[in-house]
Amino acid sequence: MTTIQSAQSAQSAQSAQASQAAQAAHAALPRTTLNHMSLPTHDVPGTVAFLVRYLDVTTFPFGTSCVVKKDGWDIVIEDAGDRDVAWPGNFHIGMELATRAELEQMYAAMLADGVPIQTPLFVHVRGSRFFCWMPGEVLLEVNTREDAQPQYKATFASQQS
């Protein structure tokens, strides 16, 4: 065995040991559940009204903020009137509709209501979608997985029977 082969073999063994150690450490951690997300905004009433209108959430006032509930978890619409809010370039929230027809209906309703639309409705390998702006300058993706390509569709919980 050459020196290079010997070094590669040792490096491979070290990598396997590190991987096993990482898996053992991970296995010992308790299981977590997604609980909530916090969205700071300068427009709590506008953001909450948008979410109620288009995303069918329930709301609970929380001081000057508001908690909205959807599908078993919370989104805290946090009053950020006392600080700047700056989202990274592609930060967004994604919401899913069951069918392309529902997606088209939502797109038309948002257009009619004057919601700032970022993109037209378009076909994508992971399902048709469009992007729009919620009050508070949060980007929202509204999509359907109904027309996703098979290799992606199989990975979405909403598409499992």
Protein backbone atom coordinates (compact mmCIF):
# COMPACT_ATOMS: atom_id res chain seq x y z
CA MET A 1 0.00 0.00 0.00
CA THR A 2 1.38 3.40 -0.95
CA THR A 3 1.64 6.29 1.47
CA ILE A 4 -1.20 8.06 -0.33
CA GLN A 5 -3.46 4.98 -0.15
CA SER A 6 -2.59 4.55 3.52
CA ALA A 7 -3.47 8.21 4.26
CA GLN A 8 -6.73 7.92 2.32
CA SER A 9 -7.63 4.73 4.20
CA ALA A 10 -6.94 6.38 7.57
CA GLN A 11 -8.92 9.47 6.54
CA SER A 12 -11.84 7.27 5.47
CA ALA A 13 -11.81 5.42 8.80
CA GLN A 14 -11.74 8.74 10.71
CA SER A 15 -14.65 10.02 8.65
CA ALA A 16 -16.69 6.88 9.38
CA GLN A 17 -15.95 7.19 13.12
CA ALA A 18 -16.97 10.86 13.12
CA SER A 19 -20.20 10.00 11.28
CA GLN A 20 -21.02 7.24 13.80
CA ALA A 21 -20.30 9.61 16.71
CA ALA A 22 -22.54 12.28 15.21
CA GLN A 23 -25.36 9.77 14.69
CA ALA A 24 -25.04 8.51 18.28
CA ALA A 25 -25.10 12.07 19.65
CA HIS A 26 -28.14 12.91 17.52
CA ALA A 27 -30.00 9.75 18.57
CA ALA A 28 -29.66 10.83 22.21
CA LEU A 29 -31.42 14.15 21.61
CA PRO A 30 -35.11 14.51 22.46
CA ARG A 31 -37.59 14.75 19.58
CA THR A 32 -38.78 18.28 18.84
CA THR A 33 -42.01 19.55 17.30
CA LEU A 34 -42.35 22.74 15.29
CA ASN A 35 -44.20 25.04 17.67
CA HIS A 36 -44.27 28.55 16.27
CA MET A 37 -42.67 31.18 14.11
CA SER A 38 -42.41 34.86 14.98
CA LEU A 39 -42.89 37.50 12.28
CA PRO A 40 -41.96 41.03 13.31
CA THR A 41 -43.97 43.71 11.51
CA HIS A 42 -44.68 47.41 11.63
CA ASP A 43 -48.29 46.69 10.66
CA VAL A 44 -49.78 44.13 13.06
CA PRO A 45 -53.44 44.89 12.16
CA GLY A 46 -52.76 44.77 8.40
CA THR A 47 -50.70 41.57 8.61
CA VAL A 48 -53.31 39.86 10.79
CA ALA A 49 -56.18 40.97 8.52
CA PHE A 50 -54.30 39.61 5.48
CA LEU A 51 -53.72 36.24 7.18
CA VAL A 52 -57.36 36.01 8.26
CA ARG A 53 -58.64 36.91 4.77
CA TYR A 54 -56.40 34.69 2.67
CA LEU A 55 -55.02 31.97 4.94
CA ASP A 56 -58.02 31.21 7.16
CA VAL A 57 -56.23 31.59 10.50
CA THR A 58 -57.70 32.07 13.93
CA THR A 59 -56.35 34.94 16.02
CA PHE A 60 -55.60 35.65 19.67
CA PRO A 61 -54.52 39.15 20.76
CA PHE A 62 -51.24 39.18 22.68
CA GLY A 63 -50.55 42.69 23.94
CA THR A 64 -49.68 44.85 20.93
CA SER A 65 -48.86 41.67 19.00
CA CYS A 66 -51.17 38.87 17.89
CA VAL A 67 -50.92 35.09 17.72
CA VAL A 68 -52.45 33.46 14.66
CA LYS A 69 -53.07 29.73 14.63
CA LYS A 70 -53.07 27.46 11.60
CA ASP A 71 -52.74 23.69 11.21
CA GLY A 72 -51.57 23.02 14.75
CA TRP A 73 -48.94 25.71 15.13
CA ASP A 74 -48.67 29.39 15.90
CA ILE A 75 -47.35 32.40 14.06
CA VAL A 76 -46.68 35.30 16.41
CA ILE A 77 -47.30 38.55 14.54
CA GLU A 78 -44.89 40.58 16.62
CA ASP A 79 -45.26 44.34 16.97
CA ALA A 80 -41.90 45.68 15.80
CA GLY A 81 -42.85 49.35 15.94
CA ASP A 82 -39.81 50.05 18.09
CA ARG A 83 -37.17 48.57 15.73
CA ASP A 84 -36.20 48.00 12.12
CA VAL A 85 -37.36 44.88 10.33
CA ALA A 86 -35.18 43.64 7.48
CA TRP A 87 -35.75 40.27 5.85
CA PRO A 88 -33.01 38.45 3.93
CA GLY A 89 -33.43 38.57 0.17
CA ASN A 90 -35.42 35.38 -0.39
CA PHE A 91 -37.08 34.99 3.01
CA HIS A 92 -40.71 34.00 2.54
CA ILE A 93 -43.56 31.95 3.94
CA GLY A 94 -45.08 29.22 1.79
CA MET A 95 -48.74 28.23 1.90
CA GLU A 96 -50.28 25.39 -0.08
CA LEU A 97 -53.63 24.98 -1.79
CA ALA A 98 -54.99 21.58 -2.83
CA THR A 99 -55.55 22.26 -6.54
CA ARG A 100 -54.45 24.40 -9.43
CA ALA A 101 -58.03 25.71 -9.68
CA GLU A 102 -57.87 26.92 -6.06
CA LEU A 103 -54.50 28.53 -6.76
CA GLU A 104 -55.95 30.38 -9.75
CA GLN A 105 -58.93 31.48 -7.62
CA MET A 106 -56.63 32.82 -4.88
CA TYR A 107 -54.43 34.61 -7.41
CA ALA A 108 -57.48 36.30 -8.99
CA ALA A 109 -58.85 37.33 -5.58
CA MET A 110 -55.54 38.82 -4.51
CA LEU A 111 -55.19 40.70 -7.79
CA ALA A 112 -58.73 42.05 -7.44
CA ASP A 113 -58.04 43.12 -3.85
CA GLY A 114 -54.90 45.00 -4.89
CA VAL A 115 -52.43 42.74 -3.07
CA PRO A 116 -48.91 43.58 -4.31
CA ILE A 117 -48.09 40.63 -6.58
CA GLN A 118 -44.37 39.86 -6.97
CA THR A 119 -44.67 37.24 -9.74
CA PRO A 120 -47.39 36.04 -12.06
CA LEU A 121 -48.77 32.56 -11.42
CA PHE A 122 -46.29 30.16 -12.99
CA VAL A 123 -45.67 26.43 -13.43
CA HIS A 124 -42.73 25.02 -11.46
CA VAL A 125 -41.34 21.48 -11.12
CA ARG A 126 -42.38 21.48 -7.44
CA GLY A 127 -45.87 22.74 -8.24
CA SER A 128 -47.46 25.88 -9.67
CA ARG A 129 -47.13 29.04 -7.57
CA PHE A 130 -47.03 32.78 -7.28
CA PHE A 131 -45.45 35.22 -4.87
CA CYS A 132 -47.04 38.29 -3.29
CA TRP A 133 -46.33 40.76 -0.49
CA MET A 134 -48.14 40.68 2.83
CA PRO A 135 -48.48 43.84 4.92
CA GLY A 136 -45.29 44.27 6.92
CA GLU A 137 -43.25 43.48 3.79
CA VAL A 138 -43.20 39.70 4.20
CA LEU A 139 -43.05 37.71 0.97
CA LEU A 140 -45.68 34.97 0.65
CA GLU A 141 -45.51 32.02 -1.73
CA VAL A 142 -48.87 30.45 -2.54
CA ASN A 143 -48.57 27.12 -4.30
CA THR A 144 -50.19 23.83 -5.14
CA ARG A 145 -48.44 20.48 -5.25
CA GLU A 146 -51.17 18.99 -7.44
CA ASP A 147 -49.14 19.52 -10.62
CA ALA A 148 -45.65 18.90 -9.19
CA GLN A 149 -43.44 16.54 -11.15
CA PRO A 150 -43.57 12.96 -9.79
CA GLN A 151 -40.06 12.91 -8.29
CA TYR A 152 -41.00 15.94 -6.13
CA LYS A 153 -44.66 15.11 -5.55
CA ALA A 154 -43.68 11.92 -3.75
CA THR A 155 -41.82 13.97 -1.10
CA PHE A 156 -44.76 16.17 -0.05
CA ALA A 157 -46.91 15.03 2.87
CA SER A 158 -49.94 16.67 1.26
CA GLN A 159 -49.63 14.36 -1.73
CA GLN A 160 -49.51 11.11 0.26
CA SER A 161 -52.72 9.06 0.32
